[in-house]
Amino acid sequence: MTIGAEIASSQKNCSRSVCIPINYSLLDPKVIPVQVNVQLQLRQILGLDLDQRTVTVEVFTNLYWKDWWVETLSNKATTIDEQVRDEVRLIDWHVQDLRNITHSLPVHDSGLIATPSLDGTGSIISISTEATVVFNCEMNFNLFPFNKIKCDYVITSTDYDSGKLMFQANWSQIVNAHKLEFQLESDYEVQFDPILPKNLSASAVHRDHSSYHSAIGFQIYLKYRPTEALLLYYLPALILVLAAHLSFLIKPDGAPTRISLVTLSLTAVMNQFNTLNQISPKGGKGPTAAAIYLLTCVFSNCFCLGLNILTFRFKNDPVKFQNVNFYSALTSSISFLLFNLIYWPVILVSI
């Protein structure tokens, strides 16, 4: 610092017990990187948009850091008023994958508080806000109704890399509300995990690949509760397939009954499949897990119908009819059983 700068820095601009040098804007922080302490609290999950792949949350954010050039004349926390506030150096931060911020309100009147530093040099500057934030989530619907939605709420700096600014916090500073409100709680199980300080590649922030940026936040996992889908779609489809397989127990003279039973089962499963397609989330790569199961049930019932038609070609020969009927029933049952033995372990491993 030059002699002129030292003289200028000794001249103060004061307002409401807070003073800064008149050449404040020309002064660099005395310690780099600036250590920014972060407190985050997830208050509410206000909404989930599956079409837009976004989640809306209410978040309380508190940032505080040491500024060696800000002097607090009072021995207690002081609100920085407009005369000084516009000149105080603020921390540049933003939310990754942000769509929109609404109802962003400072907790205090001006949003900025200055507190004397314990070591007597400079002040601790803090800013607290409550905001409703809409941001992008990672959604993969291929496992519906066993799918999970992963939402990373991450704050970072655009202008300052980790060599100039570092976010820091511990587990107790990144929390969710004790009574977290979520309108879709009956449909989703919520899991909250802090994201402690880490470095993001600059390519995740902007096009500059030469640096890393400090980041911090939390993760929300929304696990869909599959009970309703299991009861409304899986269980009825399974019963209808079993009913079709039971048709092989009907005697040869009951051909109309056998064909009617399989045809009705097939029609009902197809209706189940069409209804599921209307209510299941769209946008995954390929069919959902539920759609695959119901589609297999449709094919299984079609297979039963074809085998029944084949069997009745031998109705005039009791021996051949009995053999063909037995192996038809065995083939259709084993094929559907093998599908289930493959399907459910894959689902359980994936979730």
Protein backbone atom coordinates (compact mmCIF):
# COMPACT_ATOMS: atom_id res chain seq x y z
CA MET A 1 0.00 0.00 0.00
CA THR A 2 1.35 3.44 -0.94
CA ILE A 3 1.68 6.36 1.50
CA GLY A 4 -1.23 8.07 -0.25
CA ALA A 5 -3.35 4.98 0.13
CA GLU A 6 -2.44 4.70 3.82
CA ILE A 7 -3.51 8.31 4.38
CA ALA A 8 -6.74 7.76 2.47
CA SER A 9 -7.47 4.56 4.39
CA SER A 10 -7.11 6.45 7.66
CA GLN A 11 -9.83 8.87 6.58
CA LYS A 12 -13.22 7.40 7.45
CA ASN A 13 -16.72 7.55 6.10
CA CYS A 14 -18.94 6.82 9.10
CA SER A 15 -22.64 6.25 9.56
CA ARG A 16 -24.56 4.70 12.44
CA SER A 17 -21.48 3.43 14.32
CA VAL A 18 -19.98 1.84 11.19
CA CYS A 19 -16.97 3.34 9.43
CA ILE A 20 -15.09 2.48 6.24
CA PRO A 21 -12.06 4.17 4.61
CA ILE A 22 -12.99 6.73 1.96
CA ASN A 23 -10.93 4.74 -0.54
CA TYR A 24 -12.55 1.44 0.50
CA SER A 25 -13.29 0.35 -3.05
CA LEU A 26 -9.56 0.45 -3.90
CA LEU A 27 -8.48 -1.74 -0.97
CA ASP A 28 -8.02 -5.48 -1.28
CA PRO A 29 -8.84 -7.96 1.52
CA LYS A 30 -5.88 -8.38 3.86
CA VAL A 31 -6.21 -12.18 3.84
CA ILE A 32 -6.92 -14.19 0.69
CA PRO A 33 -8.89 -16.34 0.14
CA VAL A 34 -11.73 -14.71 2.05
CA GLN A 35 -13.30 -17.33 4.33
CA VAL A 36 -17.08 -17.13 4.10
CA ASN A 37 -19.06 -19.03 6.74
CA VAL A 38 -22.38 -20.37 5.54
CA GLN A 39 -25.55 -21.33 7.37
CA LEU A 40 -28.36 -22.93 5.35
CA GLN A 41 -31.74 -24.15 6.49
CA LEU A 42 -34.29 -25.83 4.25
CA ARG A 43 -37.62 -24.51 5.54
CA GLN A 44 -40.13 -26.01 3.11
CA ILE A 45 -40.42 -27.95 -0.12
CA LEU A 46 -43.16 -25.99 -1.81
CA GLY A 47 -43.55 -27.87 -5.05
CA LEU A 48 -42.25 -30.42 -7.51
CA ASP A 49 -42.66 -30.00 -11.28
CA LEU A 50 -41.99 -33.29 -13.06
CA ASP A 51 -42.50 -31.81 -16.52
CA GLN A 52 -40.02 -28.97 -15.98
CA ARG A 53 -37.78 -31.13 -13.75
CA THR A 54 -37.64 -28.48 -11.04
CA VAL A 55 -38.25 -28.25 -7.31
CA THR A 56 -39.39 -25.17 -5.40
CA VAL A 57 -38.01 -24.68 -1.89
CA GLU A 58 -37.97 -22.06 0.83
CA VAL A 59 -34.42 -21.57 2.12
CA PHE A 60 -32.89 -19.45 4.86
CA THR A 61 -29.32 -18.37 4.04
CA ASN A 62 -26.82 -16.64 6.32
CA LEU A 63 -23.35 -15.66 5.11
CA TYR A 64 -20.75 -14.02 7.33
CA TRP A 65 -17.12 -13.12 6.77
CA LYS A 66 -14.42 -10.84 8.16
CA ASP A 67 -13.76 -7.47 6.56
CA TRP A 68 -10.57 -5.87 7.93
CA TRP A 69 -11.46 -2.44 6.56
CA VAL A 70 -14.89 -2.08 8.21
CA GLU A 71 -14.79 -0.61 11.72
CA THR A 72 -17.66 -0.98 14.17
CA LEU A 73 -17.65 1.71 16.84
CA SER A 74 -20.29 -0.04 18.93
CA ASN A 75 -19.50 -3.16 20.94
CA LYS A 76 -22.57 -4.96 19.61
CA ALA A 77 -24.07 -5.92 16.26
CA THR A 78 -25.03 -2.89 14.19
CA THR A 79 -27.21 -2.61 11.11
CA ILE A 80 -25.31 -1.02 8.22
CA ASP A 81 -27.48 1.74 6.78
CA GLU A 82 -27.72 2.91 3.17
CA GLN A 83 -24.98 5.54 3.40
CA VAL A 84 -22.30 2.87 3.96
CA ARG A 85 -24.06 -0.27 2.77
CA ASP A 86 -23.73 0.50 -0.94
CA GLU A 87 -19.95 0.73 -0.58
CA VAL A 88 -19.31 -2.37 1.53
CA ARG A 89 -17.84 -5.26 -0.50
CA LEU A 90 -20.42 -8.05 -0.68
CA ILE A 91 -19.85 -11.72 -1.38
CA ASP A 92 -20.65 -12.78 -4.93
CA TRP A 93 -22.71 -15.99 -4.86
CA HIS A 94 -25.47 -17.68 -6.81
CA VAL A 95 -27.43 -20.94 -6.88
CA GLN A 96 -26.34 -23.59 -9.39
CA ASP A 97 -28.98 -24.68 -11.93
CA LEU A 98 -31.21 -21.82 -10.85
CA ARG A 99 -34.53 -21.29 -12.61
CA ASN A 100 -36.03 -18.51 -10.51
CA ILE A 101 -35.89 -16.75 -7.14
CA THR A 102 -39.03 -15.18 -5.73
CA HIS A 103 -39.86 -13.54 -2.42
CA SER A 104 -36.21 -12.98 -1.53
CA LEU A 105 -36.31 -10.92 1.65
CA PRO A 106 -33.53 -9.79 4.00
CA VAL A 107 -34.00 -10.96 7.57
CA HIS A 108 -32.85 -7.56 8.91
CA ASP A 109 -33.89 -4.10 7.70
CA SER A 110 -30.93 -3.47 5.41
CA GLY A 111 -29.82 -7.07 5.09
CA LEU A 112 -26.28 -6.23 6.32
CA ILE A 113 -25.04 -6.48 9.92
CA ALA A 114 -21.59 -5.50 11.22
CA THR A 115 -20.29 -7.05 14.44
CA PRO A 116 -16.94 -6.17 16.10
CA SER A 117 -14.30 -8.83 15.52
CA LEU A 118 -13.13 -10.65 18.65
CA ASP A 119 -9.50 -9.81 17.91
CA GLY A 120 -10.30 -6.10 17.65
CA THR A 121 -9.38 -5.80 13.97
CA GLY A 122 -12.10 -5.19 11.41
CA SER A 123 -15.67 -6.46 11.64
CA ILE A 124 -17.70 -9.54 10.90
CA ILE A 125 -20.14 -8.74 8.10
CA SER A 126 -23.25 -10.90 7.85
CA ILE A 127 -26.20 -11.02 5.52
CA SER A 128 -29.28 -13.18 5.99
CA THR A 129 -32.07 -13.83 3.52
CA GLU A 130 -35.19 -15.93 3.21
CA ALA A 131 -36.06 -16.84 -0.37
CA THR A 132 -38.26 -19.08 -2.45
CA VAL A 133 -35.97 -20.78 -4.97
CA VAL A 134 -36.81 -22.80 -8.07
CA PHE A 135 -33.92 -24.91 -9.37
CA ASN A 136 -33.29 -27.90 -11.62
CA CYS A 137 -33.26 -31.48 -10.34
CA GLU A 138 -31.86 -34.74 -11.66
CA MET A 139 -34.89 -36.86 -12.51
CA ASN A 140 -34.87 -40.30 -14.08
CA PHE A 141 -38.30 -41.90 -14.45
CA ASN A 142 -37.19 -45.22 -15.91
CA LEU A 143 -37.59 -46.88 -12.50
CA PHE A 144 -41.09 -45.50 -11.86
CA PRO A 145 -42.71 -46.24 -9.39
CA PHE A 146 -39.41 -47.03 -7.64
CA ASN A 147 -37.67 -43.87 -8.87
CA LYS A 148 -35.66 -41.35 -6.87
CA ILE A 149 -35.33 -37.64 -7.54
CA LYS A 150 -32.02 -36.02 -6.64
CA CYS A 151 -31.94 -32.26 -6.11
CA ASP A 152 -28.62 -30.51 -5.38
CA TYR A 153 -29.01 -27.04 -3.90
CA VAL A 154 -25.50 -25.65 -4.37
CA ILE A 155 -24.26 -22.10 -3.95
CA THR A 156 -21.00 -20.95 -5.49
CA SER A 157 -19.26 -17.82 -6.73
CA THR A 158 -19.19 -16.81 -10.37
CA ASP A 159 -16.54 -14.09 -10.22
CA TYR A 160 -14.14 -15.44 -7.60
CA ASP A 161 -12.38 -18.79 -7.78
CA SER A 162 -11.34 -20.79 -4.73
CA GLY A 163 -8.04 -18.91 -4.60
CA LYS A 164 -9.94 -15.74 -3.68
CA LEU A 165 -13.07 -16.98 -1.91
CA MET A 166 -13.79 -20.13 0.12
CA PHE A 167 -17.14 -21.18 1.56
CA GLN A 168 -16.99 -23.11 4.83
CA ALA A 169 -19.47 -24.78 7.19
CA ASN A 170 -19.93 -27.86 9.35
CA TRP A 171 -22.75 -30.40 9.60
CA SER A 172 -24.64 -28.38 12.20
CA GLN A 173 -24.77 -25.30 9.95
CA ILE A 174 -26.53 -26.97 7.02
CA VAL A 175 -29.83 -28.38 8.27
CA ASN A 176 -33.49 -28.80 7.45
CA ALA A 177 -36.37 -27.50 9.54
CA HIS A 178 -37.50 -29.74 12.41
CA LYS A 179 -41.00 -29.71 10.95
CA LEU A 180 -40.21 -29.75 7.24
CA GLU A 181 -43.35 -29.09 5.22
CA PHE A 182 -43.90 -30.88 1.90
CA GLN A 183 -47.28 -31.03 0.20
CA LEU A 184 -46.43 -34.30 -1.59
CA GLU A 185 -45.16 -36.06 1.53
CA SER A 186 -47.76 -38.81 1.06
CA ASP A 187 -46.21 -39.61 -2.34
CA TYR A 188 -42.50 -39.11 -1.58
CA GLU A 189 -40.09 -40.00 1.18
CA VAL A 190 -37.70 -37.09 1.83
CA GLN A 191 -34.01 -37.49 2.68
CA PHE A 192 -31.78 -34.46 3.42
CA ASP A 193 -27.96 -34.47 3.33
CA PRO A 194 -25.55 -31.53 3.66
CA ILE A 195 -23.01 -30.89 0.90
CA LEU A 196 -19.95 -29.71 2.79
CA PRO A 197 -17.45 -27.39 1.07
CA LYS A 198 -16.06 -28.70 -2.20
CA ASN A 199 -14.49 -27.32 -5.36
CA LEU A 200 -16.41 -27.10 -8.61
CA SER A 201 -14.65 -27.13 -11.96
CA ALA A 202 -14.94 -23.72 -13.57
CA SER A 203 -16.62 -25.37 -16.54
CA ALA A 204 -19.59 -26.01 -14.25
CA VAL A 205 -19.83 -22.27 -13.54
CA HIS A 206 -18.81 -20.68 -16.83
CA ARG A 207 -16.62 -21.40 -19.84
CA ASP A 208 -13.29 -20.74 -18.15
CA HIS A 209 -11.67 -24.17 -17.53
CA SER A 210 -8.56 -22.84 -15.80
CA SER A 211 -9.79 -22.57 -12.21
CA TYR A 212 -11.99 -24.06 -9.51
CA HIS A 213 -14.75 -22.41 -7.52
CA SER A 214 -15.74 -23.11 -3.94
CA ALA A 215 -19.25 -24.54 -3.48
CA ILE A 216 -21.51 -25.60 -0.62
CA GLY A 217 -25.15 -26.60 -0.15
CA PHE A 218 -27.39 -29.61 0.47
CA GLN A 219 -28.97 -32.56 -1.32
CA ILE A 220 -32.63 -33.51 -1.29
CA TYR A 221 -33.55 -37.07 -2.21
CA LEU A 222 -37.22 -37.62 -3.00
CA LYS A 223 -38.03 -41.33 -3.12
CA TYR A 224 -41.41 -42.13 -4.62
CA ARG A 225 -43.61 -44.28 -2.39
CA PRO A 226 -44.60 -47.22 -4.65
CA THR A 227 -47.33 -48.71 -2.44
CA GLU A 228 -50.22 -47.18 -4.38
CA ALA A 229 -48.82 -48.26 -7.76
CA LEU A 230 -48.17 -51.78 -6.45
CA LEU A 231 -51.76 -52.10 -5.25
CA LEU A 232 -53.41 -50.43 -8.25
CA TYR A 233 -51.33 -51.84 -11.10
CA TYR A 234 -48.88 -54.58 -10.19
CA LEU A 235 -51.16 -56.71 -8.01
CA PRO A 236 -54.21 -56.63 -10.35
CA ALA A 237 -51.97 -57.39 -13.36
CA LEU A 238 -50.44 -60.35 -11.53
CA ILE A 239 -53.91 -61.68 -10.60
CA LEU A 240 -55.10 -61.34 -14.21
CA VAL A 241 -52.07 -63.26 -15.51
CA LEU A 242 -52.67 -66.02 -12.95
CA ALA A 243 -56.33 -66.15 -13.99
CA ALA A 244 -55.28 -66.61 -17.62
CA HIS A 245 -52.92 -69.42 -16.62
CA LEU A 246 -55.71 -71.12 -14.67
CA SER A 247 -57.61 -71.49 -17.94
CA PHE A 248 -55.52 -74.56 -18.71
CA LEU A 249 -57.32 -76.36 -15.86
CA ILE A 250 -60.69 -76.09 -17.58
CA LYS A 251 -61.83 -79.30 -19.31
CA PRO A 252 -61.81 -79.62 -23.13
CA ASP A 253 -65.57 -79.20 -23.41
CA GLY A 254 -65.28 -75.78 -21.78
CA ALA A 255 -63.51 -74.15 -24.73
CA PRO A 256 -65.70 -71.01 -24.80
CA THR A 257 -65.12 -70.52 -21.09
CA ARG A 258 -61.35 -70.88 -21.45
CA ILE A 259 -61.11 -68.46 -24.36
CA SER A 260 -63.45 -65.97 -22.66
CA LEU A 261 -61.42 -66.07 -19.42
CA VAL A 262 -58.12 -65.43 -21.20
CA THR A 263 -59.64 -62.76 -23.47
CA LEU A 264 -61.18 -60.87 -20.54
CA SER A 265 -57.91 -61.08 -18.61
CA LEU A 266 -56.02 -59.80 -21.63
CA THR A 267 -58.43 -56.89 -22.11
CA ALA A 268 -58.22 -55.93 -18.43
CA VAL A 269 -54.40 -55.96 -18.44
CA MET A 270 -54.35 -53.80 -21.58
CA ASN A 271 -56.64 -51.30 -19.85
CA GLN A 272 -54.30 -51.31 -16.85
CA PHE A 273 -51.35 -50.65 -19.17
CA ASN A 274 -53.11 -47.75 -20.93
CA THR A 275 -54.16 -46.18 -17.62
CA LEU A 276 -50.62 -46.45 -16.28
CA ASN A 277 -49.22 -44.69 -19.35
CA GLN A 278 -51.57 -41.78 -18.74
CA ILE A 279 -50.51 -41.19 -15.14
CA SER A 280 -46.82 -42.15 -15.18
CA PRO A 281 -44.24 -39.34 -15.55
CA LYS A 282 -42.88 -38.78 -19.03
CA GLY A 283 -39.40 -37.99 -20.25
CA GLY A 284 -37.39 -41.07 -19.32
CA LYS A 285 -35.19 -42.98 -21.72
CA GLY A 286 -37.48 -45.81 -22.74
CA PRO A 287 -40.45 -47.33 -20.86
CA THR A 288 -40.79 -47.17 -17.09
CA ALA A 289 -40.33 -50.19 -14.83
CA ALA A 290 -44.08 -50.38 -14.28
CA ALA A 291 -44.78 -50.18 -18.02
CA ILE A 292 -42.33 -53.04 -18.67
CA TYR A 293 -44.07 -55.20 -16.07
CA LEU A 294 -47.57 -54.55 -17.36
CA LEU A 295 -46.47 -54.93 -20.98
CA THR A 296 -44.99 -58.32 -20.09
CA CYS A 297 -48.31 -59.25 -18.49
CA VAL A 298 -50.05 -58.32 -21.74
CA PHE A 299 -47.64 -60.50 -23.74
CA SER A 300 -48.04 -63.33 -21.23
CA ASN A 301 -51.82 -63.29 -21.62
CA CYS A 302 -51.49 -63.12 -25.42
CA PHE A 303 -49.20 -66.15 -25.18
CA CYS A 304 -51.82 -67.97 -23.07
CA LEU A 305 -54.51 -67.11 -25.61
CA GLY A 306 -52.39 -68.45 -28.47
CA LEU A 307 -51.57 -71.65 -26.59
CA ASN A 308 -55.24 -72.20 -25.76
CA ILE A 309 -56.17 -71.86 -29.43
CA LEU A 310 -53.38 -74.29 -30.33
CA THR A 311 -54.51 -76.77 -27.67
CA PHE A 312 -58.07 -76.94 -28.94
CA ARG A 313 -56.86 -78.10 -32.33
CA PHE A 314 -56.34 -81.50 -30.58
CA LYS A 315 -59.63 -81.59 -28.66
CA ASN A 316 -60.78 -84.66 -30.62
CA ASP A 317 -57.72 -86.61 -29.44
CA PRO A 318 -57.85 -86.74 -25.60
CA VAL A 319 -54.26 -87.99 -25.21
CA LYS A 320 -52.70 -85.36 -27.45
CA PHE A 321 -54.95 -82.70 -25.96
CA GLN A 322 -53.82 -83.58 -22.44
CA ASN A 323 -50.12 -83.53 -23.40
CA VAL A 324 -50.30 -80.29 -25.38
CA ASN A 325 -52.41 -78.67 -22.65
CA PHE A 326 -49.92 -79.71 -19.93
CA TYR A 327 -46.83 -78.44 -21.76
CA SER A 328 -48.62 -75.24 -22.80
CA ALA A 329 -49.51 -74.49 -19.18
CA LEU A 330 -45.96 -75.36 -18.08
CA THR A 331 -44.35 -73.20 -20.77
CA SER A 332 -46.47 -70.11 -20.10
CA SER A 333 -46.10 -70.41 -16.31
CA ILE A 334 -42.32 -70.93 -16.39
CA SER A 335 -41.79 -68.06 -18.82
CA PHE A 336 -43.71 -65.63 -16.59
CA LEU A 337 -41.94 -66.98 -13.48
CA LEU A 338 -38.52 -66.49 -15.11
CA PHE A 339 -39.42 -62.91 -15.99
CA ASN A 340 -40.29 -62.19 -12.35
CA LEU A 341 -37.09 -63.85 -11.13
CA ILE A 342 -35.12 -61.44 -13.34
CA TYR A 343 -37.31 -58.33 -12.95
CA TRP A 344 -37.55 -58.02 -9.17
CA PRO A 345 -33.83 -58.53 -8.33
CA VAL A 346 -32.92 -55.90 -10.95
CA ILE A 347 -35.45 -53.47 -9.41
CA LEU A 348 -34.26 -54.14 -5.85
CA VAL A 349 -30.62 -53.61 -6.81
CA SER A 350 -31.46 -50.37 -8.63
CA ILE A 351 -33.35 -48.81 -5.72
